[in-house]
Protein backbone atom coordinates (compact mmCIF):
# COMPACT_ATOMS: atom_id res chain seq x y z
CA UNK A 1 0.00 0.00 0.00
CA UNK A 2 1.51 3.36 -0.96
CA UNK A 3 2.40 5.63 1.95
CA UNK A 4 1.33 9.26 2.13
CA UNK A 5 3.42 10.08 5.21
CA UNK A 6 5.56 12.46 3.16
CA UNK A 7 2.44 14.52 2.47
CA UNK A 8 1.73 15.05 6.26
CA UNK A 9 3.37 17.61 8.48
CA UNK A 10 4.82 16.53 11.84
CA UNK A 11 1.96 18.35 13.55
CA UNK A 12 -0.59 16.38 11.52
CA UNK A 13 1.16 13.08 12.30
CA UNK A 14 1.21 13.92 16.00
CA UNK A 15 -2.51 14.71 15.89
CA UNK A 16 -3.23 11.33 14.25
CA UNK A 17 -1.17 9.56 16.92
CA UNK A 18 -2.91 11.39 19.77
CA UNK A 19 -6.35 10.64 18.35
CA UNK A 20 -5.49 6.98 17.78
CA UNK A 21 -4.15 5.95 21.18
CA UNK A 22 -6.87 4.46 23.46
CA UNK A 23 -6.45 7.19 26.09
CA UNK A 24 -7.69 10.71 26.69
CA UNK A 25 -4.73 13.11 26.52
CA UNK A 26 -4.42 16.76 27.54
CA UNK A 27 -1.73 19.26 28.48
CA UNK A 28 -1.87 22.58 30.32
CA UNK A 29 0.45 25.48 31.01
CA UNK A 30 1.67 26.50 34.46
CA UNK A 31 -1.43 28.67 34.88
CA UNK A 32 -3.51 25.52 34.41
CA UNK A 33 -5.02 26.63 31.11
CA UNK A 34 -5.41 24.04 28.36
CA UNK A 35 -2.76 24.01 25.63
CA UNK A 36 -4.05 20.93 23.82
CA UNK A 37 -6.01 17.66 23.93
CA UNK A 38 -6.87 14.74 21.71
CA UNK A 39 -10.28 14.17 20.12
CA UNK A 40 -11.40 11.51 22.64
CA UNK A 41 -11.05 14.00 25.47
CA UNK A 42 -12.85 16.72 23.50
CA UNK A 43 -15.75 14.33 22.94
CA UNK A 44 -15.91 13.47 26.65
CA UNK A 45 -16.03 17.08 27.86
CA UNK A 46 -18.35 18.31 25.11
CA UNK A 47 -16.04 20.62 23.12
CA UNK A 48 -16.44 20.57 19.33
CA UNK A 49 -12.86 21.41 18.44
CA UNK A 50 -9.48 22.03 19.97
CA UNK A 51 -9.56 25.77 19.26
CA UNK A 52 -12.55 26.24 21.58
CA UNK A 53 -10.69 24.53 24.45
CA UNK A 54 -7.22 26.11 24.17
CA UNK A 55 -6.78 28.87 26.73
CA UNK A 56 -9.69 27.67 28.84
CA UNK A 57 -9.42 26.35 32.41
CA UNK A 58 -11.35 23.60 34.15
CA UNK A 59 -13.87 26.20 35.27
CA UNK A 60 -15.10 26.34 31.67
CA UNK A 61 -15.72 22.58 31.70
CA UNK A 62 -17.30 21.88 35.07
CA UNK A 63 -20.47 23.36 36.52
CA UNK A 64 -19.15 24.04 39.99
CA UNK A 65 -15.92 25.03 41.66
CA UNK A 66 -16.23 21.93 43.88
CA UNK A 67 -15.89 19.72 40.79
CA UNK A 68 -13.08 21.69 39.15
CA UNK A 69 -10.86 22.47 42.12
CA UNK A 70 -9.73 18.92 43.04
CA UNK A 71 -8.41 18.45 39.51
CA UNK A 72 -6.59 21.80 39.62
CA UNK A 73 -5.12 20.88 43.01
CA UNK A 74 -3.61 17.74 41.48
CA UNK A 75 -2.19 19.82 38.61
CA UNK A 76 -0.57 22.30 41.03
CA UNK A 77 0.93 19.46 43.07
CA UNK A 78 2.54 17.99 39.95
CA UNK A 79 3.89 21.37 38.77
CA UNK A 80 5.20 22.42 42.19
CA UNK A 81 6.77 19.07 43.08
CA UNK A 82 8.07 18.22 39.64
CA UNK A 83 6.86 14.65 40.24
CA UNK A 84 4.22 12.58 38.52
CA UNK A 85 0.94 11.69 40.20
CA UNK A 86 -0.42 8.32 39.10
CA UNK A 87 -3.61 6.25 39.30
CA UNK A 88 -5.97 9.00 40.38
CA UNK A 89 -9.50 7.57 40.43
CA UNK A 90 -12.08 10.31 39.95
CA UNK A 91 -15.49 11.06 38.52
CA UNK A 92 -16.01 13.13 35.37
CA UNK A 93 -19.30 15.00 35.75
CA UNK A 94 -20.17 17.04 32.64
CA UNK A 95 -23.55 18.79 32.34
CA UNK A 96 -25.84 16.89 29.99
CA UNK A 97 -23.60 13.80 29.88
CA UNK A 98 -23.61 10.58 31.92
CA UNK A 99 -21.06 10.47 34.72
CA UNK A 100 -17.86 8.66 33.84
CA UNK A 101 -15.17 7.24 36.08
CA UNK A 102 -11.54 7.90 35.15
CA UNK A 103 -8.12 6.61 36.09
CA UNK A 104 -5.86 9.62 35.57
CA UNK A 105 -2.07 9.97 35.39
CA UNK A 106 -0.34 13.37 35.44
CA UNK A 107 3.32 14.30 34.91
CA UNK A 108 5.24 17.59 34.74
CA UNK A 109 6.26 18.89 31.28
CA UNK A 110 9.85 20.09 31.55
CA UNK A 111 12.47 21.67 29.28
CA UNK A 112 15.94 20.26 28.77
CA UNK A 113 17.04 22.57 31.58
CA UNK A 114 14.51 21.00 33.95
CA UNK A 115 12.16 23.96 33.98
CA UNK A 116 8.52 22.94 34.42
CA UNK A 117 6.35 24.55 31.77
CA UNK A 118 3.10 22.72 32.37
CA UNK A 119 1.40 19.41 33.10
CA UNK A 120 0.65 16.47 30.81
CA UNK A 121 -2.26 14.21 31.67
CA UNK A 122 -3.85 11.03 30.38
CA UNK A 123 -6.89 9.23 31.61
CA UNK A 124 -8.64 5.96 30.91
CA UNK A 125 -12.39 5.46 31.06
CA UNK A 126 -12.95 2.85 33.81
CA UNK A 127 -16.69 3.40 34.21
CA UNK A 128 -17.58 -0.25 33.55
CA UNK A 129 -14.96 -1.43 36.03
CA UNK A 130 -16.12 0.96 38.77
CA UNK A 131 -19.81 0.18 38.24
CA UNK A 132 -19.09 -3.54 38.43
CA UNK A 133 -17.10 -3.02 41.61
CA UNK A 134 -19.89 -0.92 43.10
CA UNK A 135 -22.39 -3.62 42.20
CA UNK A 136 -20.26 -6.23 43.95
CA UNK A 137 -19.93 -3.96 46.98
CA UNK A 138 -23.69 -3.42 47.08
CA UNK A 139 -24.27 -7.15 46.82
CA UNK A 140 -21.82 -7.65 49.67
CA UNK A 141 -24.07 -5.47 51.84
CA UNK A 142 -27.43 -6.95 50.83
CA UNK A 143 -28.95 -10.25 51.88
CA UNK A 144 -29.75 -11.93 48.54
CA UNK A 145 -32.80 -13.82 49.84
CA UNK A 146 -34.73 -11.00 51.52
CA UNK A 147 -33.18 -7.89 49.98
CA UNK A 148 -32.51 -6.51 53.47
CA UNK A 149 -29.23 -5.16 54.75
CA UNK A 150 -26.92 -7.92 55.90
CA UNK A 151 -24.78 -8.11 59.04
CA UNK A 152 -21.86 -6.22 57.51
CA UNK A 153 -24.14 -3.49 56.22
CA UNK A 154 -25.90 -2.80 59.50
CA UNK A 155 -22.58 -2.87 61.33
CA UNK A 156 -21.40 -0.17 58.92
CA UNK A 157 -24.65 1.74 59.46
CA UNK A 158 -24.17 1.67 63.22
CA UNK A 159 -20.47 2.56 63.09
CA UNK A 160 -21.07 5.52 60.78
CA UNK A 161 -24.09 6.89 62.69
CA UNK A 162 -23.63 9.98 64.84
CA UNK A 163 -26.06 9.56 67.71
CA UNK A 164 -26.46 10.32 71.39
CA UNK A 165 -28.35 7.16 72.25
CA UNK A 166 -29.71 4.16 70.40
CA UNK A 167 -31.08 0.68 70.79
CA UNK A 168 -30.22 -2.63 69.13
CA UNK A 169 -32.60 -5.58 68.94
CA UNK A 170 -31.37 -9.10 68.14
CA UNK A 171 -34.23 -11.28 66.83
CA UNK A 172 -34.08 -15.06 66.53
CA UNK A 173 -37.08 -16.93 65.13
CA UNK A 174 -38.59 -19.68 67.29
CA UNK A 175 -39.54 -23.00 65.63
CA UNK A 176 -38.12 -21.98 62.25
CA UNK A 177 -35.81 -25.00 62.20
CA UNK A 178 -38.82 -27.31 62.49
CA UNK A 179 -40.46 -25.66 59.48
CA UNK A 180 -37.25 -25.89 57.48
CA UNK A 181 -36.61 -29.53 58.41
CA UNK A 182 -40.22 -30.66 58.00
CA UNK A 183 -41.43 -28.71 54.96
CA UNK A 184 -38.14 -28.17 53.14
CA UNK A 185 -35.73 -25.32 52.49
CA UNK A 186 -37.82 -23.74 49.72
CA UNK A 187 -40.73 -23.28 52.13
CA UNK A 188 -38.28 -22.08 54.75
CA UNK A 189 -36.93 -19.46 52.33
CA UNK A 190 -40.45 -18.27 51.52
CA UNK A 191 -41.15 -17.96 55.23
CA UNK A 192 -38.01 -15.87 55.76
CA UNK A 193 -39.00 -13.52 52.92
CA UNK A 194 -42.50 -13.15 54.34
CA UNK A 195 -41.19 -12.50 57.85
CA UNK A 196 -38.69 -9.98 56.47
CA UNK A 197 -41.63 -8.05 55.01
CA UNK A 198 -43.43 -8.10 58.36
CA UNK A 199 -40.34 -6.85 60.17
CA UNK A 200 -39.67 -4.16 57.54
CA UNK A 201 -43.08 -2.64 58.20
CA UNK A 202 -42.30 -2.53 61.92
CA UNK A 203 -38.90 -0.95 61.26
CA UNK A 204 -40.44 1.66 58.95
CA UNK A 205 -43.11 2.46 61.54
CA UNK A 206 -40.43 3.21 64.13
CA UNK A 207 -37.92 4.83 61.76
CA UNK A 208 -35.36 2.09 62.34
CA UNK A 209 -32.90 0.06 60.26
CA UNK A 210 -33.52 -3.66 59.70
CA UNK A 211 -31.05 -6.35 58.68
CA UNK A 212 -30.98 -10.10 58.27
CA UNK A 213 -27.88 -11.34 60.06
CA UNK A 214 -28.06 -14.85 58.61
CA UNK A 215 -30.15 -17.99 59.05
CA UNK A 216 -33.25 -17.05 61.03
CA UNK A 217 -31.62 -14.08 62.79
CA UNK A 218 -32.52 -10.42 62.25
CA UNK A 219 -31.59 -7.15 63.94
CA UNK A 220 -33.15 -3.71 64.27
CA UNK A 221 -31.15 -0.55 65.00
CA UNK A 222 -32.92 2.59 66.19
CA UNK A 223 -31.28 5.95 66.99
CA UNK A 224 -32.63 8.70 69.23
CA UNK A 225 -31.82 12.39 69.03
CA UNK A 226 -31.59 13.04 72.74
CA UNK A 227 -30.43 11.07 75.74
CA UNK A 228 -33.67 9.76 77.18
CA UNK A 229 -35.16 6.65 78.80
CA UNK A 230 -35.29 4.20 75.92
CA UNK A 231 -36.82 1.13 77.51
CA UNK A 232 -40.44 1.95 76.69
CA UNK A 233 -39.62 2.89 73.09
CA UNK A 234 -37.54 -0.23 72.48
CA UNK A 235 -40.16 -2.41 74.17
CA UNK A 236 -42.73 -1.01 71.71
CA UNK A 237 -40.59 -2.22 68.79
CA UNK A 238 -40.15 -5.67 70.37
CA UNK A 239 -43.88 -5.99 71.06
CA UNK A 240 -44.71 -5.02 67.48
CA UNK A 241 -42.29 -7.68 66.19
CA UNK A 242 -43.89 -10.36 68.37
CA UNK A 243 -47.36 -9.19 67.36
CA UNK A 244 -46.57 -9.67 63.66
CA UNK A 245 -45.88 -13.36 64.36
CA UNK A 246 -48.88 -13.84 66.64
CA UNK A 247 -50.97 -15.54 63.98
CA UNK A 248 -50.70 -18.58 61.72
CA UNK A 249 -48.84 -18.06 58.44
CA UNK A 250 -50.01 -19.74 55.22
CA UNK A 251 -47.28 -21.00 52.90
CA UNK A 252 -48.61 -22.72 49.79
CA UNK A 253 -50.74 -25.53 51.25
CA UNK A 254 -49.18 -25.36 54.69
CA UNK A 255 -50.05 -23.34 57.77
CA UNK A 256 -47.18 -22.72 60.18
CA UNK A 257 -46.82 -20.91 63.48
CA UNK A 258 -43.55 -19.38 64.58
CA UNK A 259 -42.44 -16.89 67.18
CA UNK A 260 -39.35 -14.92 68.08
CA UNK A 261 -36.93 -14.46 70.96
CA UNK A 262 -35.60 -10.90 71.17
CA UNK A 263 -32.59 -9.49 72.97
CA UNK A 264 -32.37 -5.73 73.45
CA UNK A 265 -29.48 -3.50 74.46
CA UNK A 266 -29.29 0.25 74.91
CA UNK A 267 -26.32 2.01 73.32
CA UNK A 268 -24.63 5.35 73.64
CA UNK A 269 -22.49 7.14 71.11
CA UNK A 270 -19.29 6.23 72.90
CA UNK A 271 -19.54 2.45 73.09
CA UNK A 272 -17.87 0.03 70.70
CA UNK A 273 -21.25 -0.75 69.20
CA UNK A 274 -20.35 -3.21 66.47
CA UNK A 275 -18.50 -5.36 68.98
CA UNK A 276 -20.19 -4.91 72.35
CA UNK A 277 -23.68 -4.04 71.11
CA UNK A 278 -24.23 -7.23 69.14
CA UNK A 279 -22.67 -9.31 71.91
CA UNK A 280 -24.97 -7.76 74.50
CA UNK A 281 -28.10 -8.11 72.38
CA UNK A 282 -27.15 -11.70 71.55
CA UNK A 283 -26.73 -12.58 75.24
CA UNK A 284 -30.10 -11.03 76.03
CA UNK A 285 -31.73 -12.95 73.17
CA UNK A 286 -30.44 -16.30 74.43
CA UNK A 287 -31.68 -15.45 77.91
CA UNK A 288 -35.12 -14.65 76.47
CA UNK A 289 -35.14 -17.95 74.54
CA UNK A 290 -34.32 -19.90 77.70
CA UNK A 291 -37.28 -18.23 79.43
CA UNK A 292 -39.67 -19.59 76.80
CA UNK A 293 -41.07 -18.73 73.40
CA UNK A 294 -42.12 -15.26 72.19
CA UNK A 295 -40.19 -13.34 74.84
CA UNK A 296 -37.92 -10.31 74.85
CA UNK A 297 -35.27 -9.36 77.37
CA UNK A 298 -32.99 -6.41 77.98
CA UNK A 299 -29.27 -6.85 78.45
CA UNK A 300 -27.86 -6.47 81.95
CA UNK A 301 -24.41 -6.93 83.45
CA UNK A 302 -25.80 -9.97 85.24
CA UNK A 303 -26.18 -11.62 81.85
CA UNK A 304 -22.54 -10.86 81.02
CA UNK A 305 -21.41 -12.46 84.29
CA UNK A 306 -23.66 -15.45 83.56
CA UNK A 307 -22.23 -15.74 80.04
CA UNK A 308 -18.70 -15.70 81.41
CA UNK A 309 -19.68 -18.46 83.82
CA UNK A 310 -21.24 -20.45 80.98
CA UNK A 311 -18.07 -20.04 78.92
CA UNK A 312 -16.09 -21.37 81.87
CA UNK A 313 -18.46 -24.30 82.30
CA UNK A 314 -18.28 -25.03 78.58
CA UNK A 315 -14.48 -25.29 78.76
CA UNK A 316 -14.55 -27.56 81.82
CA UNK A 317 -17.49 -29.68 80.67
CA UNK A 318 -15.57 -30.93 77.64
CA UNK A 319 -13.33 -32.94 79.95
CA UNK A 320 -15.83 -33.82 82.65
CA UNK A 321 -16.80 -37.21 81.22
CA UNK A 322 -13.23 -38.31 80.53
CA UNK A 323 -12.07 -37.19 83.99
CA UNK A 324 -15.02 -38.95 85.64
CA UNK A 325 -16.26 -35.77 87.26
CA UNK A 326 -19.86 -36.58 86.32
CA UNK A 327 -21.76 -39.07 88.43
CA UNK A 328 -25.30 -40.26 89.00
CA UNK A 329 -27.42 -40.22 92.13
CA UNK A 330 -30.69 -42.06 92.53
CA UNK A 331 -33.88 -40.78 94.16
CA UNK A 332 -36.27 -43.57 95.18
CA UNK A 333 -39.97 -43.53 94.25
CA UNK A 334 -42.72 -45.10 96.36
CA UNK A 335 -46.37 -46.08 96.07
CA UNK A 336 -49.23 -45.32 98.48
CA UNK A 337 -48.06 -48.15 100.75
CA UNK A 338 -44.54 -46.69 100.79
CA UNK A 339 -43.27 -49.66 98.81
CA UNK A 340 -40.25 -48.99 96.57
CA UNK A 341 -41.44 -49.02 92.96
CA UNK A 342 -38.66 -47.18 91.16
CA UNK A 343 -35.94 -44.57 91.19
CA UNK A 344 -34.90 -41.60 89.10
CA UNK A 345 -31.28 -41.32 87.95
CA UNK A 346 -30.09 -37.74 88.34
CA UNK A 347 -26.83 -36.41 86.94
CA UNK A 348 -24.38 -34.48 89.12
CA UNK A 349 -21.03 -32.77 88.45
CA UNK A 350 -18.29 -32.38 91.03
CA UNK A 351 -15.51 -30.14 89.67
CA UNK A 352 -12.19 -29.96 91.58
CA UNK A 353 -12.20 -26.14 91.58
CA UNK A 354 -15.86 -25.19 91.17
CA UNK A 355 -17.19 -27.81 93.54
CA UNK A 356 -20.70 -29.15 92.97
CA UNK A 357 -22.15 -27.60 89.80
CA UNK A 358 -25.93 -27.58 89.56
CA UNK A 359 -27.52 -29.41 86.60
CA UNK A 360 -29.59 -26.25 86.09
CA UNK A 361 -26.30 -24.53 85.23
CA UNK A 362 -24.47 -27.11 83.15
CA UNK A 363 -27.28 -28.91 81.28
CA UNK A 364 -28.18 -25.78 79.22
CA UNK A 365 -24.48 -25.39 78.40
CA UNK A 366 -24.33 -29.02 77.30
CA UNK A 367 -27.43 -28.56 75.13
CA UNK A 368 -26.21 -25.38 73.45
CA UNK A 369 -22.75 -26.83 72.77
CA UNK A 370 -23.97 -30.21 71.51
CA UNK A 371 -22.17 -32.06 74.32
CA UNK A 372 -25.55 -33.23 75.60
CA UNK A 373 -25.43 -36.15 73.15
CA UNK A 374 -22.19 -37.52 74.60
CA UNK A 375 -23.31 -36.83 78.16
CA UNK A 376 -26.78 -38.26 77.52
CA UNK A 377 -25.35 -41.50 76.18
CA UNK A 378 -23.04 -41.71 79.21
CA UNK A 379 -26.07 -41.34 81.50
CA UNK A 380 -27.86 -44.18 79.68
CA UNK A 381 -24.85 -46.49 79.96
CA UNK A 382 -24.14 -45.60 83.59
CA UNK A 383 -27.77 -46.01 84.67
CA UNK A 384 -28.14 -49.35 82.90
CA UNK A 385 -24.89 -50.58 84.46
CA UNK A 386 -26.43 -49.83 87.86
CA UNK A 387 -29.69 -51.52 86.88
CA UNK A 388 -27.76 -54.60 85.79
CA UNK A 389 -26.28 -54.73 89.29
CA UNK A 390 -29.74 -54.74 90.88
CA UNK A 391 -30.91 -58.16 89.72
CA UNK A 392 -32.04 -59.20 93.18
CA UNK A 393 -34.18 -56.07 93.43
CA UNK A 394 -35.67 -56.66 89.99
CA UNK A 395 -36.52 -60.23 90.92
CA UNK A 396 -38.22 -59.13 94.13
CA UNK A 397 -39.94 -56.13 92.51
CA UNK A 398 -40.71 -57.04 88.88
CA UNK A 399 -42.48 -53.69 88.35
CA UNK A 400 -39.46 -51.64 89.46
CA UNK A 401 -38.48 -48.98 86.90
CA UNK A 402 -35.36 -46.86 86.70
CA UNK A 403 -36.12 -43.47 85.16
CA UNK A 404 -33.62 -41.50 83.10
CA UNK A 405 -34.08 -37.96 81.81
CA UNK A 406 -33.67 -37.34 78.09
CA UNK A 407 -33.04 -33.84 76.78
CA UNK A 408 -35.07 -32.44 73.91
CA UNK A 409 -31.79 -32.09 72.01
CA UNK A 410 -31.25 -35.85 72.24
CA UNK A 411 -34.58 -36.38 70.48
CA UNK A 412 -33.03 -34.74 67.41
CA UNK A 413 -31.12 -38.01 67.07
CA UNK A 414 -33.50 -40.31 65.22
CA UNK A 415 -31.47 -43.32 66.40
CA UNK A 416 -31.99 -42.58 70.11
CA UNK A 417 -34.46 -45.45 70.64
CA UNK A 418 -32.16 -47.87 68.81
CA UNK A 419 -29.23 -46.79 70.99
CA UNK A 420 -31.18 -47.40 74.21
CA UNK A 421 -32.43 -50.76 72.94
CA UNK A 422 -28.88 -51.79 72.01
CA UNK A 423 -27.57 -50.86 75.46
CA UNK A 424 -30.33 -52.90 77.10
CA UNK A 425 -29.55 -55.92 74.94
CA UNK A 426 -25.82 -55.70 75.71
CA UNK A 427 -26.67 -56.02 79.42
CA UNK A 428 -29.45 -58.58 78.91
CA UNK A 429 -31.96 -56.24 80.54
CA UNK A 430 -35.67 -55.96 79.83
CA UNK A 431 -37.04 -52.62 78.67
CA UNK A 432 -39.90 -52.93 81.20
CA UNK A 433 -37.48 -51.88 83.95
CA UNK A 434 -36.60 -48.62 82.19
CA UNK A 435 -38.54 -45.38 82.02
CA UNK A 436 -37.61 -42.39 79.84
CA UNK A 437 -38.63 -38.98 81.17
CA UNK A 438 -39.25 -36.17 78.69
CA UNK A 439 -40.54 -32.62 79.08
CA UNK A 440 -43.71 -31.04 77.75
CA UNK A 441 -41.64 -28.57 75.76
CA UNK A 442 -40.03 -31.49 73.92
CA UNK A 443 -43.45 -32.65 72.73
CA UNK A 444 -44.23 -29.12 71.65
CA UNK A 445 -40.98 -28.59 69.75
CA UNK A 446 -40.43 -32.04 68.25
CA UNK A 447 -43.88 -33.63 68.07
CA UNK A 448 -43.29 -35.79 64.99
CA UNK A 449 -39.79 -36.89 65.98
CA UNK A 450 -40.91 -37.46 69.58
CA UNK A 451 -43.88 -39.55 68.47
CA UNK A 452 -41.70 -41.77 66.27
CA UNK A 453 -39.14 -42.28 69.03
CA UNK A 454 -41.79 -42.94 71.68
CA UNK A 455 -43.41 -45.63 69.52
CA UNK A 456 -40.01 -47.33 69.14
CA UNK A 457 -39.45 -47.14 72.91
CA UNK A 458 -42.87 -48.68 73.53
CA UNK A 459 -42.01 -51.50 71.11
CA UNK A 460 -39.07 -52.27 73.42
CA UNK A 461 -41.39 -52.25 76.49
CA UNK A 462 -39.80 -49.00 77.72
CA UNK A 463 -42.15 -46.63 79.56
CA UNK A 464 -42.35 -42.92 78.79
CA UNK A 465 -43.20 -40.26 81.38
CA UNK A 466 -43.79 -36.52 81.01
CA UNK A 467 -41.63 -34.77 83.61
CA UNK A 468 -42.62 -31.51 85.36
CA UNK A 469 -46.13 -31.84 83.98
CA UNK A 470 -48.25 -28.70 84.15
CA UNK A 471 -45.43 -26.23 83.50
CA UNK A 472 -45.16 -26.55 79.73
CA UNK A 473 -47.18 -26.65 76.54
CA UNK A 474 -48.93 -30.02 76.41
CA UNK A 475 -52.40 -30.27 74.97
CA UNK A 476 -54.99 -32.89 75.76
CA UNK A 477 -54.67 -34.24 72.24
CA UNK A 478 -51.01 -35.12 72.95
CA UNK A 479 -51.97 -37.02 76.08
CA UNK A 480 -54.69 -38.94 74.28
CA UNK A 481 -52.68 -39.91 71.21
CA UNK A 482 -49.06 -40.36 72.30
CA UNK A 483 -47.80 -43.67 73.76
CA UNK A 484 -47.34 -42.29 77.30
CA UNK A 485 -47.31 -44.22 80.57
CA UNK A 486 -46.94 -41.63 83.30
CA UNK A 487 -47.36 -37.97 84.26
CA UNK A 488 -45.02 -36.47 86.86
CA UNK A 489 -46.68 -33.46 88.50
CA UNK A 490 -44.20 -30.64 88.97
CA UNK A 491 -43.07 -29.87 92.51
CA UNK A 492 -44.31 -26.27 92.20
CA UNK A 493 -47.88 -27.59 92.45
CA UNK A 494 -47.08 -29.91 95.37
CA UNK A 495 -45.29 -27.50 97.70
CA UNK A 496 -47.61 -26.40 100.52
CA UNK A 497 -50.46 -28.13 98.68
CA UNK A 498 -52.71 -28.27 101.76
CA UNK A 499 -52.70 -24.46 102.00
CA UNK A 500 -53.27 -23.72 98.31
CA UNK A 501 -56.84 -24.39 97.09
CA UNK A 502 -55.93 -23.49 93.49
CA UNK A 503 -53.10 -26.02 93.31
CA UNK A 504 -55.26 -28.54 95.15
CA UNK A 505 -57.91 -28.29 92.45
CA UNK A 506 -55.30 -28.43 89.69
CA UNK A 507 -53.63 -31.55 91.10
CA UNK A 508 -57.03 -33.22 91.53
CA UNK A 509 -57.85 -32.44 87.90
CA UNK A 510 -54.51 -33.81 86.68
CA UNK A 511 -54.88 -37.01 88.71
CA UNK A 512 -58.40 -37.59 87.39
CA UNK A 513 -57.31 -36.77 83.84
CA UNK A 514 -54.45 -39.26 84.04
CA UNK A 515 -56.76 -41.93 85.45
CA UNK A 516 -59.21 -41.44 82.59
CA UNK A 517 -56.36 -41.92 80.11
CA UNK A 518 -54.91 -44.94 81.90
CA UNK A 519 -51.75 -43.10 82.94
CA UNK A 520 -49.88 -43.41 86.24
CA UNK A 521 -49.16 -40.25 88.25
CA UNK A 522 -46.10 -39.41 90.32
CA UNK A 523 -46.04 -36.35 92.58
CA UNK A 524 -42.59 -34.76 92.65
CA UNK A 525 -41.13 -32.79 95.54
CA UNK A 526 -43.20 -34.27 98.36
CA UNK A 527 -41.60 -32.90 101.53
CA UNK A 528 -44.22 -32.87 104.29
CA UNK A 529 -46.75 -35.26 105.78
CA UNK A 530 -49.48 -32.69 105.15
CA UNK A 531 -48.73 -32.78 101.43
CA UNK A 532 -48.71 -36.59 101.46
CA UNK A 533 -52.09 -36.76 103.22
CA UNK A 534 -53.70 -34.57 100.57
CA UNK A 535 -52.08 -36.48 97.71
CA UNK A 536 -53.38 -39.76 99.07
CA UNK A 537 -56.83 -38.21 99.45
CA UNK A 538 -56.69 -37.16 95.80
CA UNK A 539 -55.71 -40.76 94.90
CA UNK A 540 -52.23 -39.92 93.57
CA UNK A 541 -50.52 -43.30 93.32
CA UNK A 542 -46.76 -42.57 93.38
CA UNK A 543 -44.48 -40.19 95.26
CA UNK A 544 -40.97 -38.84 95.06
CA UNK A 545 -39.41 -36.31 97.41
CA UNK A 546 -37.35 -35.55 100.49
CA UNK A 547 -40.12 -36.81 102.78
CA UNK A 548 -39.22 -40.32 101.62
CA UNK A 549 -35.60 -40.07 100.50
CA UNK A 550 -33.10 -37.63 99.09
CA UNK A 551 -31.07 -38.50 95.97
CA UNK A 552 -28.32 -40.88 97.10
CA UNK A 553 -25.27 -42.51 95.55
CA UNK A 554 -25.43 -45.89 93.85
CA UNK A 555 -23.66 -47.52 96.79
CA UNK A 556 -26.07 -45.97 99.29
CA UNK A 557 -29.03 -47.04 97.17
CA UNK A 558 -27.75 -50.58 96.94
CA UNK A 559 -26.98 -50.79 100.66
CA UNK A 560 -30.46 -49.51 101.50
CA UNK A 561 -32.69 -51.16 98.90
CA UNK A 562 -30.79 -53.87 97.00
CA UNK A 563 -28.25 -55.83 99.04
CA UNK A 564 -30.30 -56.20 102.20
CA UNK A 565 -29.36 -58.96 104.66
């Protein structure tokens, strides 16, 4: 191809080069007025030709001084320092044109003598790159399922807020796991989206920020202009949240009921909110959940002390089984003729430094940490080992039953009944000498799983009793349909029974109800003769309590009731 380069002047060749390179190019004098630019830059800033730009400053390009001045500051820095300034990321905002993002490089123009005569700049259009990055950043702050802020986003919101006082609510859904496990994750996701909409309306009503933290956890952050008592205002938010869940929810062909446990903490503008605030609200939420369903609780320093204690117990409990710090005691049970008919195995923990640790303290720790499965299986083995040693008692009292307590968490293991059956078979023991005690709340939380396990236990001749009956959530339909053998009336109804007409009537009703369903009844916590007299009058058949015997060691039990000369 013939060349026409000889027909072009050097200035024309330079112009072609400048207009060809894939960059925007410009140069200015020391007064920051334009000396030249290539066509790509002229197109970006809306100038028709080079002549109309030469001699102009950035003030002729940008609408406001605030937009022009940062660019002029960079130019001055380059001219005054004699050094290049690279990789400047900035926005190009031209009236009537879409905003572009640029990556700009600037260098001083100098003579052979080193005298700076201006500034040379190039920039690359990185709009697509920046918009993609911004999209990724937005996605990183948004929960993809619900469209709410996520944990990181609300933490940023809190950290960047300038406030005198505020409140943070930590919300954990109750019974969501059952819905997810029973109806499937797609239904669970639909439920979360629906609940997010409910909560958003509450947040909007109170002018608060809402986020999904993950799983079935949400949080609400509310600021207040002035230092003021916040409890009533934060309680109003919590009550509105609980109210939104206080009705059945229809999902496709299913109707579900859920609730929420809410922890609340009050914040001031000086606390390390993103660290301490969430920790405090989380502690309060767990305390609310332990108190029952659909509750809210405010954080207090007592909860922090309790959490520290739980952390300590968690660390020690890991080794308790291996170090043989756990042990069982046995509390005898008697009939109306004060004949021994059974015993309840009760777990105890003697720590070398902490001393005797109450089951009320360490069982919740074991359940939350998952250690309850290991500990529960140890209890089963240990209790059955004792039962194996009581053959003479079993021969003399063929109806004798040893009761063991099973945590609701253990019922999550669908092989629980098989494990118990296997342990019985290994010791050549009959299931009719074993009784499994469960709580009302277990039936409420795990009805289907509990029913399946209870049927398997019944098939092995193992009895099932509801412990602490009257304090939980049982319905009459459960009592009529589940394979139950016994109700144990909670000690709170037995204490001072003869002086409490309300409890007297309640116990009478429970005894009659059990009789109509063919269930045995054991009164727990019998401590006085007056209580015993009334229980006998009400035809309660079985008793357990300090009036008869305290929980005693295996050796004491055997010396008293088994190996009798």
